[in-house]
């Protein structure tokens, strides 16, 4: 089975984590009788809903199969337009994750030391994920106008292959696994923070 495309893609990482966000009651616990910082919880939720939840819009790109199936019920725009859509999905995802990270950086008045440590870890992994997305976007530049002659399914598969091909990077299998680790770390930290703050799926 082909590997997942990486924009949600690298961000399918988020689709399991951001199915929906349920607003918690105006209380000081997260459901586990653990006191949380209400000001941080509300601030975080705002940044999360504005920047992370919209990444669900790119769920069709999570694999070559879902990408192909997406066009069973709507017209395929053509190879050139499809590539533009994939690139735009990456760029928009990068922008939203950057905005999310910037929001976490801006909230400097966190009274709980453990919560601040989790916030800082999420910032670090978010920045690592942004770097991973940048690498994937650069790979799309390898696709040329000659590749547009491929049929629809072949082109979608080819885009997937290019996104996951490290052969022309100064990387190796370890780097590719490191990319997966970055994705998993960010997703796991996001899930942990959501659980801590009582933001449920």
Foldseek 3Di string as FASTA:
>chain_A
DAAWQCQCNLPCLCCVVPVDWDDDDQDQAQVVPDGDDSVVLVLLVVLCVVQRNVLVVCVCRGHLVSVVVVCVPPPDPALVVVLVVVLVSLVSNLVSLVSSLVSLVVPPPGPDPVLNVLSVQLSVLSVVLSVLSVVLSVLSVVDDPVLSPDDDSVSSVVNRCSSQDCPPPPDDVVVSVVSNVSSNSNSVSSNVSCSRSNTDD
